[in-house]
Amino acid sequence: MLFRNEDRFDLTAPEHSAKLQAAFDRLKNDKDKKHPYLLDGEFVFGEGAVPSYNPANHKEIIGYVTSASIKDADRAIKAASKAFETYRLTTIKQRIGYINLLVEKLLEARYDLIALIVEECGKNLVEADWEVCETIDFCRSYAMHMLEIEQGVKLLDEEGEARSCTYQPIGVGLVISPWNFPLALLAGMIIAAVITGNTVIAKPSVETPIVAFKFAELMNECGFPKGVCNLLHGSGSVIGQHLAAHPETRFINFTGSKDVGLRINETAGATPQGQKWIKRVVAEMGGKNAIIIDKTADLELAAEGIATSAYGYQGQKCSACSRAIILDEVYDDALRIILDEIKSKHKAGPVINRGAYNFINSYIETGKKEGTLLLGGGSDDSIGFFIEPTVFETGRDAVIAHEEIFGPVLTVIKAKDFAEALEIANDTEYGLTGGVYSKNEDNLTLAESHFNVGNLYFNRKITGAEVMRHPFAGYNLSGTAAKTGTRDYLINFLQLKTITRKV
């Protein structure tokens, strides 16, 4: 099976305009709908009607979802456990068939998914289309890798014994997905589990439940046996915590904040009565990512890469650049070009909700006290949750130079030489993405071995990782370094079984 990345649309082309407008019109007509969740193969309406808002217009409701109860969560666990008994025995060919059908449905729904991501998530059209493509890429890459995994482990031959060592699915998993990639990460985490023969209960973010419902609808049309994929809306601290602690949960696949991820990891570390295994946790938890500029760098290229990495989707990507570390020799020129790039090309988009708006603004106030505000700093919540692209100049020990803000705030720091720049870059509890702009091969070689991040980029932006081109995951408190889109990622949801037969 050959892999290819799905082609991104050129959304400036006129052939897409009418189709996109029709998708936005369909979405507008659906905004009074109340959406259920998926439980044991059936769509179920639960408690209440929880609205989902457009972050660019907080008076506009995208739709409503109903919330699952603890009783529903227990039903989902039982359904997934029962389904696992037979689903684990399905052939890889059968599972790939389900995923290939899902790809077809994602392609058919592409315009509707773009419109929904734009309105519920606050992304622009290009970012939304890239996310749909990434979802398709995950499907294709995991299908390809399963064919490799099916071969098992090659063993030594010996006359008199027949031996095999093959990968087996492990059980029921909990998927907890974030709002900043509400389709691609939800889908990728679910697909990795089910294509390896496991069953799942997904608990998507409360900020983007309509995108999650739409994906569950597509999954349910693909012929998976009932109970293989369940999706519940509700509070993470209630539903999510209950499922994470449940003795029948075998693994937890989480993407989100460091604090929640660490709490899940602690919960998974307990062994309640009736649990027969050590739970596995696969976690991706964010970063405090830096780009270094040395005196040999192309400053125009560096400015473009830093600005795009810092303000693409309003800095709400775990890979976003939040620190620019510039060597003293080129500091003034680089800073001037960076500020000009931001002012000329980057406008304020919405952050996800009121909580994020207040949280980011509190860091901006902190930055004003501990550094120099060079650009932006303003905000407006009269219509949506808008914060200007903001730049501070600080020392390396500033709070805003260490803590993840997850918004459009960039801290600029001066370094006396490349060694100090690396030291500053590594002076964080995270280790997700990083970048270097340099033409000095010695500096690039030093960064390869000493810049402690999972994804390191030279002379390009540090966001926009593509499946099978830039396998994505980080070190330290950025997560468990499980590289998405790869064969190794799927191994997290499998275990080896060796069979030896005397002949």
Foldseek 3Di string as FASTA:
>chain_A
DDADFDDFDPCVDPVCVVVLVVLLVVQVVCQAEEFAWAAQLDGDAADDWAFAFFQLFRVGTSHTYHADDLVRLVRLLVLQQVLLVCLQPDDLVVLLQLLVLLLVVLVVCQSNQLSLCCGLQQADSRVSRLLSSQQSNLSRLLSVLVVVQQQADDDDDDPQKDKGKHKTFDEEAEEEEERNSQQNRQNNVLSLRVSRRYAYEYEYDLSRVVSVSVSVVSSSVSPRRGSRYTYGYDDCVHSVLSNLLDLRHAEYEYEEALVVLVVSVVSQCDHDPPRDDRYYYFYFHADAEEEEEEPAFPLLLVLLQLLCQQCNSFLQDSQRHAEYEYEPVCVVVSVVSNVVNCVVPPFWTGHRDPVLLVLLLVVLVQLVVAWAWDDFSDFDPPGRTTGGQTETEHELPRPSSEDDSNGNYHYYYYDNDLVVSLVSRPPYQWAFEYEYGHPDVVSVVCCVVRNAHLFYYYSHHRDDDHAPRTFGHTDGSSTDSQGRSHSSNSCSRIDMDMDMDGD
